[in-house]
Amino acid sequence: MLEQMTHWFGRTVALLQPPPILESSPVRYEFIVQGMTCKNCVNAINTALLRADGAATVNIDLSQQRVIVESDRQRQVLVDVLLDEGYVAE
């Protein structure tokens, strides 16, 4: 990552650029959430997941107790968020 060479006090100095920042791509996770029975549950789960990752995409199917999350966070972090809200996710 050598950008250019320049002379400084009679010496050649290499100017280096910092490495590029690697952005992670969101990962799609699917959970079956036990105990999710009403719109209040949906709202609580949605709010908790977005609090953990404001850039996440959350889709919830109440009839199938299914939560689909696209997030940069690790799966276990999201499972722990659901557990903190009182829901067991598989």
PDB file of N, CA and C in Angstrom:
ATOM      1  N   MET A   1       0.824  -1.174   0.000  1.00  0.00           N
ATOM      2  CA  MET A   1       0.000   0.000   0.000  1.00  0.00           C
ATOM      3  C   MET A   1       0.875   1.247   0.000  1.00  0.00           C
ATOM      4  N   LEU A   2       1.823   1.217  -0.842  1.00  0.00           N
ATOM      5  CA  LEU A   2       2.750   2.323  -0.971  1.00  0.00           C
ATOM      6  C   LEU A   2       2.111   3.375  -1.858  1.00  0.00           C
ATOM      7  N   GLU A   3       1.917   4.551  -1.322  1.00  0.00           N
ATOM      8  CA  GLU A   3       1.246   5.589  -2.085  1.00  0.00           C
ATOM      9  C   GLU A   3       2.227   6.375  -2.943  1.00  0.00           C
ATOM     10  N   GLN A   4       3.304   6.861  -2.351  1.00  0.00           N
ATOM     11  CA  GLN A   4       4.271   7.638  -3.108  1.00  0.00           C
ATOM     12  C   GLN A   4       5.584   7.677  -2.354  1.00  0.00           C
ATOM     13  N   MET A   5       6.566   8.114  -3.030  1.00  0.00           N
ATOM     14  CA  MET A   5       7.869   8.282  -2.405  1.00  0.00           C
ATOM     15  C   MET A   5       8.177   9.780  -2.403  1.00  0.00           C
ATOM     16  N   THR A   6       8.791  10.239  -1.369  1.00  0.00           N
ATOM     17  CA  THR A   6       9.164  11.646  -1.303  1.00  0.00           C
ATOM     18  C   THR A   6      10.533  11.761  -0.645  1.00  0.00           C
ATOM     19  N   HIS A   7      11.210  12.840  -0.929  1.00  0.00           N
ATOM     20  CA  HIS A   7      12.532  13.063  -0.336  1.00  0.00           C
ATOM     21  C   HIS A   7      12.377  13.987   0.851  1.00  0.00           C
ATOM     22  N   TRP A   8      12.971  13.591   1.950  1.00  0.00           N
ATOM     23  CA  TRP A   8      12.881  14.372   3.172  1.00  0.00           C
ATOM     24  C   TRP A   8      14.253  14.371   3.828  1.00  0.00           C
ATOM     25  N   PHE A   9      14.850  15.502   3.915  1.00  0.00           N
ATOM     26  CA  PHE A   9      16.207  15.636   4.449  1.00  0.00           C
ATOM     27  C   PHE A   9      17.186  14.670   3.788  1.00  0.00           C
ATOM     28  N   GLY A  10      17.055  14.558   2.463  1.00  0.00           N
ATOM     29  CA  GLY A  10      17.987  13.721   1.727  1.00  0.00           C
ATOM     30  C   GLY A  10      17.709  12.236   1.824  1.00  0.00           C
ATOM     31  N   ARG A  11      16.607  11.861   2.450  1.00  0.00           N
ATOM     32  CA  ARG A  11      16.257  10.443   2.578  1.00  0.00           C
ATOM     33  C   ARG A  11      14.955  10.169   1.842  1.00  0.00           C
ATOM     34  N   THR A  12      14.845   8.991   1.360  1.00  0.00           N
ATOM     35  CA  THR A  12      13.600   8.582   0.715  1.00  0.00           C
ATOM     36  C   THR A  12      12.684   7.995   1.783  1.00  0.00           C
ATOM     37  N   VAL A  13      11.477   8.532   1.837  1.00  0.00           N
ATOM     38  CA  VAL A  13      10.518   8.098   2.849  1.00  0.00           C
ATOM     39  C   VAL A  13       9.289   7.545   2.140  1.00  0.00           C
ATOM     40  N   ALA A  14       8.856   6.394   2.523  1.00  0.00           N
ATOM     41  CA  ALA A  14       7.648   5.801   1.959  1.00  0.00           C
ATOM     42  C   ALA A  14       6.443   6.260   2.781  1.00  0.00           C
ATOM     43  N   LEU A  15       5.438   6.744   2.091  1.00  0.00           N
ATOM     44  CA  LEU A  15       4.202   7.142   2.761  1.00  0.00           C
ATOM     45  C   LEU A  15       3.189   6.023   2.588  1.00  0.00           C
ATOM     46  N   LEU A  16       2.732   5.511   3.675  1.00  0.00           N
ATOM     47  CA  LEU A  16       1.798   4.391   3.627  1.00  0.00           C
ATOM     48  C   LEU A  16       0.382   4.858   3.891  1.00  0.00           C
ATOM     49  N   GLN A  17      -0.542   4.270   3.209  1.00  0.00           N
ATOM     50  CA  GLN A  17      -1.958   4.521   3.464  1.00  0.00           C
ATOM     51  C   GLN A  17      -2.435   3.496   4.475  1.00  0.00           C
ATOM     52  N   PRO A  18      -3.376   3.896   5.342  1.00  0.00           N
ATOM     53  CA  PRO A  18      -3.924   2.899   6.267  1.00  0.00           C
ATOM     54  C   PRO A  18      -4.693   1.841   5.496  1.00  0.00           C
ATOM     55  N   PRO A  19      -4.809   0.639   6.057  1.00  0.00           N
ATOM     56  CA  PRO A  19      -5.565  -0.405   5.362  1.00  0.00           C
ATOM     57  C   PRO A  19      -7.027   0.002   5.234  1.00  0.00           C
ATOM     58  N   PRO A  20      -7.691  -0.465   4.202  1.00  0.00           N
ATOM     59  CA  PRO A  20      -9.098  -0.114   4.039  1.00  0.00           C
ATOM     60  C   PRO A  20      -9.933  -0.692   5.177  1.00  0.00           C
ATOM     61  N   ILE A  21     -10.983   0.001   5.518  1.00  0.00           N
ATOM     62  CA  ILE A  21     -11.903  -0.485   6.545  1.00  0.00           C
ATOM     63  C   ILE A  21     -12.804  -1.534   5.901  1.00  0.00           C
ATOM     64  N   LEU A  22     -12.797  -2.707   6.484  1.00  0.00           N
ATOM     65  CA  LEU A  22     -13.616  -3.787   5.961  1.00  0.00           C
ATOM     66  C   LEU A  22     -14.998  -3.716   6.581  1.00  0.00           C
ATOM     67  N   GLU A  23     -15.988  -3.594   5.732  1.00  0.00           N
ATOM     68  CA  GLU A  23     -17.361  -3.576   6.221  1.00  0.00           C
ATOM     69  C   GLU A  23     -17.937  -4.976   6.077  1.00  0.00           C
ATOM     70  N   SER A  24     -18.577  -5.423   7.121  1.00  0.00           N
ATOM     71  CA  SER A  24     -19.170  -6.746   7.046  1.00  0.00           C
ATOM     72  C   SER A  24     -20.551  -6.648   6.406  1.00  0.00           C
ATOM     73  N   SER A  25     -20.900  -7.672   5.714  1.00  0.00           N
ATOM     74  CA  SER A  25     -22.212  -7.731   5.092  1.00  0.00           C
ATOM     75  C   SER A  25     -23.194  -8.334   6.073  1.00  0.00           C
ATOM     76  N   PRO A  26     -24.416  -7.830   6.056  1.00  0.00           N
ATOM     77  CA  PRO A  26     -25.413  -8.429   6.954  1.00  0.00           C
ATOM     78  C   PRO A  26     -25.633  -9.906   6.635  1.00  0.00           C
ATOM     79  N   VAL A  27     -25.887 -10.664   7.678  1.00  0.00           N
ATOM     80  CA  VAL A  27     -26.161 -12.088   7.548  1.00  0.00           C
ATOM     81  C   VAL A  27     -27.639 -12.299   7.848  1.00  0.00           C
ATOM     82  N   ARG A  28     -28.262 -13.221   7.137  1.00  0.00           N
ATOM     83  CA  ARG A  28     -29.686 -13.515   7.339  1.00  0.00           C
ATOM     84  C   ARG A  28     -29.817 -14.654   8.341  1.00  0.00           C
ATOM     85  N   TYR A  29     -30.527 -14.372   9.425  1.00  0.00           N
ATOM     86  CA  TYR A  29     -30.791 -15.376  10.459  1.00  0.00           C
ATOM     87  C   TYR A  29     -32.295 -15.619  10.523  1.00  0.00           C
ATOM     88  N   GLU A  30     -32.659 -16.859  10.759  1.00  0.00           N
ATOM     89  CA  GLU A  30     -34.069 -17.206  10.920  1.00  0.00           C
ATOM     90  C   GLU A  30     -34.245 -17.915  12.255  1.00  0.00           C
ATOM     91  N   PHE A  31     -35.207 -17.449  13.026  1.00  0.00           N
ATOM     92  CA  PHE A  31     -35.468 -18.008  14.351  1.00  0.00           C
ATOM     93  C   PHE A  31     -36.924 -18.435  14.448  1.00  0.00           C
ATOM     94  N   ILE A  32     -37.153 -19.528  15.147  1.00  0.00           N
ATOM     95  CA  ILE A  32     -38.492 -19.883  15.612  1.00  0.00           C
ATOM     96  C   ILE A  32     -38.512 -19.439  17.069  1.00  0.00           C
ATOM     97  N   VAL A  33     -39.455 -18.560  17.393  1.00  0.00           N
ATOM     98  CA  VAL A  33     -39.483 -17.937  18.714  1.00  0.00           C
ATOM     99  C   VAL A  33     -40.675 -18.471  19.495  1.00  0.00           C
ATOM    100  N   GLN A  34     -40.388 -19.235  20.535  1.00  0.00           N
ATOM    101  CA  GLN A  34     -41.436 -19.801  21.375  1.00  0.00           C
ATOM    102  C   GLN A  34     -42.040 -18.714  22.255  1.00  0.00           C
ATOM    103  N   GLY A  35     -43.329 -18.745  22.396  1.00  0.00           N
ATOM    104  CA  GLY A  35     -44.014 -17.809  23.286  1.00  0.00           C
ATOM    105  C   GLY A  35     -44.432 -16.511  22.636  1.00  0.00           C
ATOM    106  N   MET A  36     -44.154 -16.340  21.359  1.00  0.00           N
ATOM    107  CA  MET A  36     -44.570 -15.137  20.648  1.00  0.00           C
ATOM    108  C   MET A  36     -46.020 -15.343  20.203  1.00  0.00           C
ATOM    109  N   THR A  37     -46.944 -14.699  20.908  1.00  0.00           N
ATOM    110  CA  THR A  37     -48.353 -15.004  20.686  1.00  0.00           C
ATOM    111  C   THR A  37     -49.219 -13.822  20.264  1.00  0.00           C
ATOM    112  N   CYS A  38     -48.686 -12.598  20.341  1.00  0.00           N
ATOM    113  CA  CYS A  38     -49.542 -11.444  20.056  1.00  0.00           C
ATOM    114  C   CYS A  38     -48.723 -10.289  19.471  1.00  0.00           C
ATOM    115  N   LYS A  39     -49.432  -9.230  19.098  1.00  0.00           N
ATOM    116  CA  LYS A  39     -48.777  -8.044  18.526  1.00  0.00           C
ATOM    117  C   LYS A  39     -47.843  -7.376  19.528  1.00  0.00           C
ATOM    118  N   ASN A  40     -48.155  -7.444  20.802  1.00  0.00           N
ATOM    119  CA  ASN A  40     -47.251  -6.876  21.806  1.00  0.00           C
ATOM    120  C   ASN A  40     -45.918  -7.624  21.814  1.00  0.00           C
ATOM    121  N   CYS A  41     -45.973  -8.927  21.646  1.00  0.00           N
ATOM    122  CA  CYS A  41     -44.749  -9.729  21.543  1.00  0.00           C
ATOM    123  C   CYS A  41     -43.945  -9.295  20.316  1.00  0.00           C
ATOM    124  N   VAL A  42     -44.630  -9.139  19.193  1.00  0.00           N
ATOM    125  CA  VAL A  42     -43.987  -8.719  17.953  1.00  0.00           C
ATOM    126  C   VAL A  42     -43.293  -7.375  18.155  1.00  0.00           C
ATOM    127  N   ASN A  43     -43.989  -6.433  18.758  1.00  0.00           N
ATOM    128  CA  ASN A  43     -43.424  -5.102  18.988  1.00  0.00           C
ATOM    129  C   ASN A  43     -42.212  -5.160  19.918  1.00  0.00           C
ATOM    130  N   ALA A  44     -42.305  -5.959  20.973  1.00  0.00           N
ATOM    131  CA  ALA A  44     -41.203  -6.071  21.931  1.00  0.00           C
ATOM    132  C   ALA A  44     -39.964  -6.685  21.269  1.00  0.00           C
ATOM    133  N   ILE A  45     -40.173  -7.721  20.474  1.00  0.00           N
ATOM    134  CA  ILE A  45     -39.068  -8.390  19.789  1.00  0.00           C
ATOM    135  C   ILE A  45     -38.445  -7.459  18.758  1.00  0.00           C
ATOM    136  N   ASN A  46     -39.274  -6.811  17.974  1.00  0.00           N
ATOM    137  CA  ASN A  46     -38.781  -5.880  16.959  1.00  0.00           C
ATOM    138  C   ASN A  46     -37.958  -4.760  17.590  1.00  0.00           C
ATOM    139  N   THR A  47     -38.476  -4.171  18.648  1.00  0.00           N
ATOM    140  CA  THR A  47     -37.784  -3.075  19.332  1.00  0.00           C
ATOM    141  C   THR A  47     -36.450  -3.539  19.904  1.00  0.00           C
ATOM    142  N   ALA A  48     -36.436  -4.701  20.545  1.00  0.00           N
ATOM    143  CA  ALA A  48     -35.205  -5.217  21.161  1.00  0.00           C
ATOM    144  C   ALA A  48     -34.137  -5.506  20.107  1.00  0.00           C
ATOM    145  N   LEU A  49     -34.528  -6.112  18.994  1.00  0.00           N
ATOM    146  CA  LEU A  49     -33.554  -6.431  17.945  1.00  0.00           C
ATOM    147  C   LEU A  49     -32.990  -5.165  17.305  1.00  0.00           C
ATOM    148  N   LEU A  50     -33.851  -4.181  17.085  1.00  0.00           N
ATOM    149  CA  LEU A  50     -33.372  -2.926  16.495  1.00  0.00           C
ATOM    150  C   LEU A  50     -32.530  -2.120  17.483  1.00  0.00           C
ATOM    151  N   ARG A  51     -32.772  -2.305  18.760  1.00  0.00           N
ATOM    152  CA  ARG A  51     -31.928  -1.656  19.768  1.00  0.00           C
ATOM    153  C   ARG A  51     -30.523  -2.266  19.732  1.00  0.00           C
ATOM    154  N   ALA A  52     -30.443  -3.565  19.487  1.00  0.00           N
ATOM    155  CA  ALA A  52     -29.154  -4.252  19.420  1.00  0.00           C
ATOM    156  C   ALA A  52     -28.407  -3.933  18.128  1.00  0.00           C
ATOM    157  N   ASP A  53     -29.149  -3.701  17.046  1.00  0.00           N
ATOM    158  CA  ASP A  53     -28.546  -3.366  15.751  1.00  0.00           C
ATOM    159  C   ASP A  53     -29.519  -2.476  14.992  1.00  0.00           C
ATOM    160  N   GLY A  54     -29.274  -1.184  15.063  1.00  0.00           N
ATOM    161  CA  GLY A  54     -30.161  -0.212  14.428  1.00  0.00           C
ATOM    162  C   GLY A  54     -30.227  -0.325  12.918  1.00  0.00           C
ATOM    163  N   ALA A  55     -29.260  -0.991  12.316  1.00  0.00           N
ATOM    164  CA  ALA A  55     -29.241  -1.146  10.865  1.00  0.00           C
ATOM    165  C   ALA A  55     -29.858  -2.475  10.419  1.00  0.00           C
ATOM    166  N   ALA A  56     -30.325  -3.262  11.358  1.00  0.00           N
ATOM    167  CA  ALA A  56     -30.883  -4.579  11.034  1.00  0.00           C
ATOM    168  C   ALA A  56     -32.214  -4.441  10.300  1.00  0.00           C
ATOM    169  N   THR A  57     -32.538  -5.482   9.555  1.00  0.00           N
ATOM    170  CA  THR A  57     -33.856  -5.623   8.949  1.00  0.00           C
ATOM    171  C   THR A  57     -34.538  -6.760   9.684  1.00  0.00           C
ATOM    172  N   VAL A  58     -35.743  -6.492  10.196  1.00  0.00           N
ATOM    173  CA  VAL A  58     -36.459  -7.495  10.988  1.00  0.00           C
ATOM    174  C   VAL A  58     -37.808  -7.758  10.343  1.00  0.00           C
ATOM    175  N   ASN A  59     -38.094  -9.028  10.062  1.00  0.00           N
ATOM    176  CA  ASN A  59     -39.398  -9.448   9.544  1.00  0.00           C
ATOM    177  C   ASN A  59     -39.939 -10.522  10.476  1.00  0.00           C
ATOM    178  N   ILE A  60     -41.180 -10.331  10.910  1.00  0.00           N
ATOM    179  CA  ILE A  60     -41.767 -11.248  11.884  1.00  0.00           C
ATOM    180  C   ILE A  60     -43.079 -11.799  11.341  1.00  0.00           C
ATOM    181  N   ASP A  61     -43.211 -13.122  11.371  1.00  0.00           N
ATOM    182  CA  ASP A  61     -44.437 -13.814  10.987  1.00  0.00           C
ATOM    183  C   ASP A  61     -45.022 -14.411  12.264  1.00  0.00           C
ATOM    184  N   LEU A  62     -46.000 -13.719  12.822  1.00  0.00           N
ATOM    185  CA  LEU A  62     -46.593 -14.131  14.101  1.00  0.00           C
ATOM    186  C   LEU A  62     -47.254 -15.501  14.001  1.00  0.00           C
ATOM    187  N   SER A  63     -47.944 -15.774  12.901  1.00  0.00           N
ATOM    188  CA  SER A  63     -48.674 -17.039  12.775  1.00  0.00           C
ATOM    189  C   SER A  63     -47.747 -18.254  12.796  1.00  0.00           C
ATOM    190  N   GLN A  64     -46.527 -18.094  12.319  1.00  0.00           N
ATOM    191  CA  GLN A  64     -45.578 -19.204  12.320  1.00  0.00           C
ATOM    192  C   GLN A  64     -44.511 -19.051  13.405  1.00  0.00           C
ATOM    193  N   GLN A  65     -44.624 -18.017  14.214  1.00  0.00           N
ATOM    194  CA  GLN A  65     -43.659 -17.709  15.269  1.00  0.00           C
ATOM    195  C   GLN A  65     -42.236 -17.639  14.705  1.00  0.00           C
ATOM    196  N   ARG A  66     -42.121 -17.024  13.540  1.00  0.00           N
ATOM    197  CA  ARG A  66     -40.847 -16.954  12.829  1.00  0.00           C
ATOM    198  C   ARG A  66     -40.343 -15.508  12.801  1.00  0.00           C
ATOM    199  N   VAL A  67     -39.058 -15.345  13.100  1.00  0.00           N
ATOM    200  CA  VAL A  67     -38.411 -14.043  13.045  1.00  0.00           C
ATOM    201  C   VAL A  67     -37.217 -14.163  12.120  1.00  0.00           C
ATOM    202  N   ILE A  68     -37.173 -13.303  11.121  1.00  0.00           N
ATOM    203  CA  ILE A  68     -36.057 -13.275  10.183  1.00  0.00           C
ATOM    204  C   ILE A  68     -35.343 -11.939  10.371  1.00  0.00           C
ATOM    205  N   VAL A  69     -34.038 -12.024  10.614  1.00  0.00           N
ATOM    206  CA  VAL A  69     -33.245 -10.831  10.886  1.00  0.00           C
ATOM    207  C   VAL A  69     -32.044 -10.812   9.947  1.00  0.00           C
ATOM    208  N   GLU A  70     -31.814  -9.669   9.312  1.00  0.00           N
ATOM    209  CA  GLU A  70     -30.575  -9.449   8.567  1.00  0.00           C
ATOM    210  C   GLU A  70     -29.772  -8.464   9.392  1.00  0.00           C
ATOM    211  N   SER A  71     -28.609  -8.915   9.871  1.00  0.00           N
ATOM    212  CA  SER A  71     -27.840  -8.121  10.816  1.00  0.00           C
ATOM    213  C   SER A  71     -26.347  -8.381  10.692  1.00  0.00           C
ATOM    214  N   ASP A  72     -25.564  -7.397  11.122  1.00  0.00           N
ATOM    215  CA  ASP A  72     -24.112  -7.551  11.206  1.00  0.00           C
ATOM    216  C   ASP A  72     -23.711  -8.240  12.506  1.00  0.00           C
ATOM    217  N   ARG A  73     -24.640  -8.337  13.440  1.00  0.00           N
ATOM    218  CA  ARG A  73     -24.343  -8.951  14.732  1.00  0.00           C
ATOM    219  C   ARG A  73     -24.262 -10.464  14.586  1.00  0.00           C
ATOM    220  N   GLN A  74     -23.563 -11.093  15.511  1.00  0.00           N
ATOM    221  CA  GLN A  74     -23.474 -12.549  15.515  1.00  0.00           C
ATOM    222  C   GLN A  74     -24.788 -13.152  15.976  1.00  0.00           C
ATOM    223  N   ARG A  75     -25.048 -14.363  15.530  1.00  0.00           N
ATOM    224  CA  ARG A  75     -26.298 -15.052  15.858  1.00  0.00           C
ATOM    225  C   ARG A  75     -26.531 -15.110  17.371  1.00  0.00           C
ATOM    226  N   GLN A  76     -25.497 -15.459  18.126  1.00  0.00           N
ATOM    227  CA  GLN A  76     -25.667 -15.606  19.571  1.00  0.00           C
ATOM    228  C   GLN A  76     -26.054 -14.295  20.235  1.00  0.00           C
ATOM    229  N   VAL A  77     -25.568 -13.181  19.722  1.00  0.00           N
ATOM    230  CA  VAL A  77     -25.950 -11.877  20.267  1.00  0.00           C
ATOM    231  C   VAL A  77     -27.455 -11.676  20.107  1.00  0.00           C
ATOM    232  N   LEU A  78     -27.981 -12.031  18.951  1.00  0.00           N
ATOM    233  CA  LEU A  78     -29.417 -11.871  18.701  1.00  0.00           C
ATOM    234  C   LEU A  78     -30.235 -12.843  19.547  1.00  0.00           C
ATOM    235  N   VAL A  79     -29.749 -14.065  19.697  1.00  0.00           N
ATOM    236  CA  VAL A  79     -30.431 -15.040  20.559  1.00  0.00           C
ATOM    237  C   VAL A  79     -30.481 -14.509  21.988  1.00  0.00           C
ATOM    238  N   ASP A  80     -29.378 -13.934  22.459  1.00  0.00           N
ATOM    239  CA  ASP A  80     -29.333 -13.372  23.817  1.00  0.00           C
ATOM    240  C   ASP A  80     -30.290 -12.197  23.971  1.00  0.00           C
ATOM    241  N   VAL A  81     -30.429 -11.386  22.942  1.00  0.00           N
ATOM    242  CA  VAL A  81     -31.379 -10.264  22.977  1.00  0.00           C
ATOM    243  C   VAL A  81     -32.799 -10.801  23.147  1.00  0.00           C
ATOM    244  N   LEU A  82     -33.128 -11.826  22.378  1.00  0.00           N
ATOM    245  CA  LEU A  82     -34.466 -12.428  22.490  1.00  0.00           C
ATOM    246  C   LEU A  82     -34.675 -13.049  23.863  1.00  0.00           C
ATOM    247  N   LEU A  83     -33.653 -13.711  24.372  1.00  0.00           N
ATOM    248  CA  LEU A  83     -33.738 -14.320  25.694  1.00  0.00           C
ATOM    249  C   LEU A  83     -33.943 -13.258  26.767  1.00  0.00           C
ATOM    250  N   ASP A  84     -33.247 -12.130  26.656  1.00  0.00           N
ATOM    251  CA  ASP A  84     -33.415 -11.028  27.611  1.00  0.00           C
ATOM    252  C   ASP A  84     -34.844 -10.488  27.599  1.00  0.00           C
ATOM    253  N   GLU A  85     -35.522 -10.615  26.463  1.00  0.00           N
ATOM    254  CA  GLU A  85     -36.913 -10.172  26.367  1.00  0.00           C
ATOM    255  C   GLU A  85     -37.888 -11.246  26.848  1.00  0.00           C
ATOM    256  N   GLY A  86     -37.358 -12.435  27.172  1.00  0.00           N
ATOM    257  CA  GLY A  86     -38.194 -13.506  27.703  1.00  0.00           C
ATOM    258  C   GLY A  86     -38.638 -14.521  26.669  1.00  0.00           C
ATOM    259  N   TYR A  87     -37.960 -14.544  25.516  1.00  0.00           N
ATOM    260  CA  TYR A  87     -38.340 -15.471  24.450  1.00  0.00           C
ATOM    261  C   TYR A  87     -37.201 -16.423  24.134  1.00  0.00           C
ATOM    262  N   VAL A  88     -37.542 -17.696  23.924  1.00  0.00           N
ATOM    263  CA  VAL A  88     -36.560 -18.698  23.547  1.00  0.00           C
ATOM    264  C   VAL A  88     -36.571 -18.806  22.020  1.00  0.00           C
ATOM    265  N   ALA A  89     -35.394 -18.652  21.428  1.00  0.00           N
ATOM    266  CA  ALA A  89     -35.272 -18.715  19.976  1.00  0.00           C
ATOM    267  C   ALA A  89     -34.480 -19.945  19.567  1.00  0.00           C
ATOM    268  N   GLU A  90     -34.993 -20.636  18.576  1.00  0.00           N
ATOM    269  CA  GLU A  90     -34.299 -21.823  18.046  1.00  0.00           C
ATOM    270  C   GLU A  90     -33.719 -21.489  16.692  1.00  0.00           C
TER     271      GLU A  90
END
